[in-house]
C-alpha cells in the first residue's frame, strides 16, 4: 500500500495542513470492500475510458513526472466526473522507480508542485512555495 494513491483536491490550505499541522491517514481500512469517492488517483493505477480522458484533455504535458495525476483529477472533478479509489483491484507499482529517491527527484517533484499551484491558484503561489520547498530540501538533504 502506497501513501499517495489518492486524495482530495490539493489546495494551498490542505498542502500546509497535510505537511505541517494534522496529516490525515492516507489508508482506509482494507478489511472490507470499498468504492471510495476521491478527487484524484495515482497515475500509477489510474483507469479511465478513452473518451473521457480525451474530453478532459488528457495529462498536461507541462508536468514532468509529478502532479500530472493530481492535475487530471482536479480537472475531472471540476468537469463533474467522479473519481473512485477501490480495494477490489490490486496494481503493483514500484513507487519512485523512475528516478529513485534523491535530492534531484525531490527538486523535480517540488517544481511540478509549484507548476500545479500556479496553474490552478495563481502565480503568486510560486512565491510562497519556493522558500518552503528550499527549506524542505535542506531537511531532506541532511536526512532529518
C-alpha atoms as a PDB file:
ATOM      1  CA  UNK A   1       0.000   0.000   0.000  1.00  0.00           C
ATOM      2  CA  UNK A   2       1.455   3.334  -1.056  1.00  0.00           C
ATOM      3  CA  UNK A   3       0.853   6.534   0.916  1.00  0.00           C
ATOM      4  CA  UNK A   4      -0.149   8.724  -2.022  1.00  0.00           C
ATOM      5  CA  UNK A   5      -2.539   6.587  -4.027  1.00  0.00           C
ATOM      6  CA  UNK A   6      -5.463   9.062  -3.941  1.00  0.00           C
ATOM      7  CA  UNK A   7      -6.573  12.225  -2.237  1.00  0.00           C
ATOM      8  CA  UNK A   8      -8.572  15.410  -2.022  1.00  0.00           C
ATOM      9  CA  UNK A   9      -8.116  18.374  -4.360  1.00  0.00           C
ATOM     10  CA  UNK A  10      -4.747  19.829  -3.458  1.00  0.00           C
ATOM     11  CA  UNK A  11      -5.157  23.432  -2.293  1.00  0.00           C
ATOM     12  CA  UNK A  12      -2.685  25.767  -0.562  1.00  0.00           C
ATOM     13  CA  UNK A  13      -4.581  25.288   2.705  1.00  0.00           C
ATOM     14  CA  UNK A  14      -4.594  21.486   2.704  1.00  0.00           C
ATOM     15  CA  UNK A  15      -0.974  21.354   1.488  1.00  0.00           C
ATOM     16  CA  UNK A  16       0.056  23.215   4.630  1.00  0.00           C
ATOM     17  CA  UNK A  17      -2.200  21.197   6.934  1.00  0.00           C
ATOM     18  CA  UNK A  18      -1.058  17.856   5.479  1.00  0.00           C
ATOM     19  CA  UNK A  19       2.621  18.727   5.788  1.00  0.00           C
ATOM     20  CA  UNK A  20       2.789  20.811   8.932  1.00  0.00           C
ATOM     21  CA  UNK A  21      -0.357  20.523  11.012  1.00  0.00           C
ATOM     22  CA  UNK A  22      -2.563  17.464  11.167  1.00  0.00           C
ATOM     23  CA  UNK A  23      -1.773  14.983   8.414  1.00  0.00           C
ATOM     24  CA  UNK A  24      -4.565  12.511   7.856  1.00  0.00           C
ATOM     25  CA  UNK A  25      -4.073   8.845   7.237  1.00  0.00           C
ATOM     26  CA  UNK A  26      -3.802   8.001   3.550  1.00  0.00           C
ATOM     27  CA  UNK A  27      -5.037   4.458   4.096  1.00  0.00           C
ATOM     28  CA  UNK A  28      -8.643   3.369   4.527  1.00  0.00           C
ATOM     29  CA  UNK A  29      -9.342   0.108   6.230  1.00  0.00           C
ATOM     30  CA  UNK A  30      -8.633  -2.820   3.933  1.00  0.00           C
ATOM     31  CA  UNK A  31     -10.837  -5.186   5.929  1.00  0.00           C
ATOM     32  CA  UNK A  32     -13.857  -4.612   3.706  1.00  0.00           C
ATOM     33  CA  UNK A  33     -14.742  -3.895   0.089  1.00  0.00           C
ATOM     34  CA  UNK A  34     -14.934  -0.214  -0.692  1.00  0.00           C
ATOM     35  CA  UNK A  35     -15.532   2.228  -3.512  1.00  0.00           C
ATOM     36  CA  UNK A  36     -14.332   5.495  -2.032  1.00  0.00           C
ATOM     37  CA  UNK A  37     -15.101   8.796  -3.822  1.00  0.00           C
ATOM     38  CA  UNK A  38     -11.846  10.757  -4.174  1.00  0.00           C
ATOM     39  CA  UNK A  39     -10.703  13.833  -6.097  1.00  0.00           C
ATOM     40  CA  UNK A  40      -7.659  12.196  -7.707  1.00  0.00           C
ATOM     41  CA  UNK A  41      -5.969   8.809  -8.104  1.00  0.00           C
ATOM     42  CA  UNK A  42      -2.319   7.980  -8.573  1.00  0.00           C
ATOM     43  CA  UNK A  43      -1.301   7.806 -12.215  1.00  0.00           C
ATOM     44  CA  UNK A  44       0.406   4.509 -11.354  1.00  0.00           C
ATOM     45  CA  UNK A  45      -3.003   2.813 -11.127  1.00  0.00           C
ATOM     46  CA  UNK A  46      -5.391   5.189 -12.878  1.00  0.00           C
ATOM     47  CA  UNK A  47      -8.087   3.761 -15.133  1.00  0.00           C
ATOM     48  CA  UNK A  48     -10.285   5.947 -17.336  1.00  0.00           C
ATOM     49  CA  UNK A  49     -12.187   5.403 -20.563  1.00  0.00           C
ATOM     50  CA  UNK A  50     -10.572   6.922 -23.645  1.00  0.00           C
ATOM     51  CA  UNK A  51     -13.464   9.265 -24.476  1.00  0.00           C
ATOM     52  CA  UNK A  52     -13.466  10.876 -21.017  1.00  0.00           C
ATOM     53  CA  UNK A  53      -9.664  11.089 -20.967  1.00  0.00           C
ATOM     54  CA  UNK A  54      -9.618  12.844 -24.356  1.00  0.00           C
ATOM     55  CA  UNK A  55     -12.602  15.084 -23.490  1.00  0.00           C
ATOM     56  CA  UNK A  56     -10.813  16.386 -20.403  1.00  0.00           C
ATOM     57  CA  UNK A  57      -7.590  16.948 -22.374  1.00  0.00           C
ATOM     58  CA  UNK A  58      -5.561  14.008 -21.050  1.00  0.00           C
ATOM     59  CA  UNK A  59      -2.437  14.511 -18.998  1.00  0.00           C
ATOM     60  CA  UNK A  60      -0.963  18.020 -19.123  1.00  0.00           C
ATOM     61  CA  UNK A  61       2.439  17.603 -20.777  1.00  0.00           C
ATOM     62  CA  UNK A  62       3.774  20.648 -18.915  1.00  0.00           C
ATOM     63  CA  UNK A  63       4.169  18.415 -15.859  1.00  0.00           C
ATOM     64  CA  UNK A  64       7.299  16.277 -15.772  1.00  0.00           C
ATOM     65  CA  UNK A  65       6.603  13.046 -13.871  1.00  0.00           C
ATOM     66  CA  UNK A  66       4.864  14.578 -10.875  1.00  0.00           C
ATOM     67  CA  UNK A  67       1.468  16.197 -10.221  1.00  0.00           C
ATOM     68  CA  UNK A  68       0.052  15.283 -13.641  1.00  0.00           C
ATOM     69  CA  UNK A  69      -2.321  12.806 -11.980  1.00  0.00           C
ATOM     70  CA  UNK A  70      -3.454  15.327  -9.356  1.00  0.00           C
ATOM     71  CA  UNK A  71      -3.960  17.935 -12.099  1.00  0.00           C
ATOM     72  CA  UNK A  72      -6.000  15.468 -14.171  1.00  0.00           C
ATOM     73  CA  UNK A  73      -8.099  14.523 -11.143  1.00  0.00           C
ATOM     74  CA  UNK A  74      -8.808  18.184 -10.383  1.00  0.00           C
ATOM     75  CA  UNK A  75      -9.925  18.784 -13.968  1.00  0.00           C
ATOM     76  CA  UNK A  76     -12.115  15.649 -13.935  1.00  0.00           C
ATOM     77  CA  UNK A  77     -13.723  16.727 -10.652  1.00  0.00           C
ATOM     78  CA  UNK A  78     -14.310  20.260 -11.948  1.00  0.00           C
ATOM     79  CA  UNK A  79     -15.973  18.781 -15.057  1.00  0.00           C
ATOM     80  CA  UNK A  80     -18.399  16.860 -12.769  1.00  0.00           C
ATOM     81  CA  UNK A  81     -16.832  13.436 -13.213  1.00  0.00           C
ATOM     82  CA  UNK A  82     -16.483  11.307 -10.081  1.00  0.00           C
ATOM     83  CA  UNK A  83     -13.185   9.583  -9.285  1.00  0.00           C
ATOM     84  CA  UNK A  84     -13.117   6.485  -7.101  1.00  0.00           C
ATOM     85  CA  UNK A  85     -10.489   4.512  -5.249  1.00  0.00           C
ATOM     86  CA  UNK A  86     -11.192   0.835  -4.618  1.00  0.00           C
ATOM     87  CA  UNK A  87      -9.532  -2.075  -2.884  1.00  0.00           C
ATOM     88  CA  UNK A  88     -11.207  -4.509  -5.302  1.00  0.00           C
ATOM     89  CA  UNK A  89      -8.248  -4.317  -7.670  1.00  0.00           C
ATOM     90  CA  UNK A  90      -4.556  -4.591  -6.939  1.00  0.00           C
ATOM     91  CA  UNK A  91      -1.853  -2.945  -9.011  1.00  0.00           C
ATOM     92  CA  UNK A  92       1.841  -3.449  -8.368  1.00  0.00           C
ATOM     93  CA  UNK A  93       3.624  -0.135  -8.867  1.00  0.00           C
ATOM     94  CA  UNK A  94       7.210   0.416  -7.842  1.00  0.00           C
ATOM     95  CA  UNK A  95       6.838   3.933  -6.459  1.00  0.00           C
ATOM     96  CA  UNK A  96       9.866   6.081  -7.205  1.00  0.00           C
ATOM     97  CA  UNK A  97      11.191   3.595  -9.734  1.00  0.00           C
ATOM     98  CA  UNK A  98      11.579   6.167 -12.496  1.00  0.00           C
ATOM     99  CA  UNK A  99      14.070   8.379 -10.695  1.00  0.00           C
ATOM    100  CA  UNK A 100      14.681   6.755  -7.332  1.00  0.00           C
ATOM    101  CA  UNK A 101      14.956   8.572  -4.019  1.00  0.00           C
ATOM    102  CA  UNK A 102      17.326  11.504  -4.407  1.00  0.00           C
ATOM    103  CA  UNK A 103      17.639  15.234  -3.958  1.00  0.00           C
ATOM    104  CA  UNK A 104      17.160  15.623  -7.720  1.00  0.00           C
ATOM    105  CA  UNK A 105      13.872  13.692  -7.541  1.00  0.00           C
ATOM    106  CA  UNK A 106      12.633  15.968  -4.753  1.00  0.00           C
ATOM    107  CA  UNK A 107      13.600  19.038  -6.806  1.00  0.00           C
ATOM    108  CA  UNK A 108      11.577  17.732  -9.782  1.00  0.00           C
ATOM    109  CA  UNK A 109       8.628  16.970  -7.513  1.00  0.00           C
ATOM    110  CA  UNK A 110       8.636  20.426  -5.934  1.00  0.00           C
ATOM    111  CA  UNK A 111       8.993  22.138  -9.333  1.00  0.00           C
ATOM    112  CA  UNK A 112       5.919  20.241 -10.551  1.00  0.00           C
ATOM    113  CA  UNK A 113       4.061  21.130  -7.366  1.00  0.00           C
ATOM    114  CA  UNK A 114       4.791  24.839  -7.956  1.00  0.00           C
ATOM    115  CA  UNK A 115       3.584  24.477 -11.566  1.00  0.00           C
ATOM    116  CA  UNK A 116       0.354  22.820 -10.375  1.00  0.00           C
ATOM    117  CA  UNK A 117      -0.367  25.569  -7.861  1.00  0.00           C
ATOM    118  CA  UNK A 118       0.468  28.340 -10.353  1.00  0.00           C
ATOM    119  CA  UNK A 119      -1.868  26.751 -12.923  1.00  0.00           C
ATOM    120  CA  UNK A 120      -4.820  26.333 -10.567  1.00  0.00           C
ATOM    121  CA  UNK A 121      -4.397  29.027  -7.898  1.00  0.00           C
ATOM    122  CA  UNK A 122      -2.267  31.764  -9.479  1.00  0.00           C
ATOM    123  CA  UNK A 123       1.397  32.540  -9.989  1.00  0.00           C
ATOM    124  CA  UNK A 124       1.613  34.116  -6.510  1.00  0.00           C
ATOM    125  CA  UNK A 125       1.727  30.592  -5.057  1.00  0.00           C
ATOM    126  CA  UNK A 126       5.220  30.090  -6.537  1.00  0.00           C
ATOM    127  CA  UNK A 127       6.492  32.945  -4.351  1.00  0.00           C
ATOM    128  CA  UNK A 128       5.215  31.230  -1.220  1.00  0.00           C
ATOM    129  CA  UNK A 129       6.172  27.673  -2.144  1.00  0.00           C
ATOM    130  CA  UNK A 130       9.740  28.259  -3.353  1.00  0.00           C
ATOM    131  CA  UNK A 131      11.220  29.158   0.084  1.00  0.00           C
ATOM    132  CA  UNK A 132       9.131  26.430   1.717  1.00  0.00           C
ATOM    133  CA  UNK A 133      10.439  23.870  -0.771  1.00  0.00           C
ATOM    134  CA  UNK A 134      14.034  25.033  -0.286  1.00  0.00           C
ATOM    135  CA  UNK A 135      13.633  24.539   3.462  1.00  0.00           C
ATOM    136  CA  UNK A 136      12.198  21.067   2.907  1.00  0.00           C
ATOM    137  CA  UNK A 137      15.117  20.222   0.574  1.00  0.00           C
ATOM    138  CA  UNK A 138      17.572  21.154   3.324  1.00  0.00           C
ATOM    139  CA  UNK A 139      15.750  18.791   5.661  1.00  0.00           C
ATOM    140  CA  UNK A 140      15.786  16.059   3.009  1.00  0.00           C
ATOM    141  CA  UNK A 141      19.473  16.597   2.273  1.00  0.00           C
ATOM    142  CA  UNK A 142      20.502  16.065   5.876  1.00  0.00           C
ATOM    143  CA  UNK A 143      18.155  13.152   6.498  1.00  0.00           C
ATOM    144  CA  UNK A 144      16.024  14.877   9.161  1.00  0.00           C
END
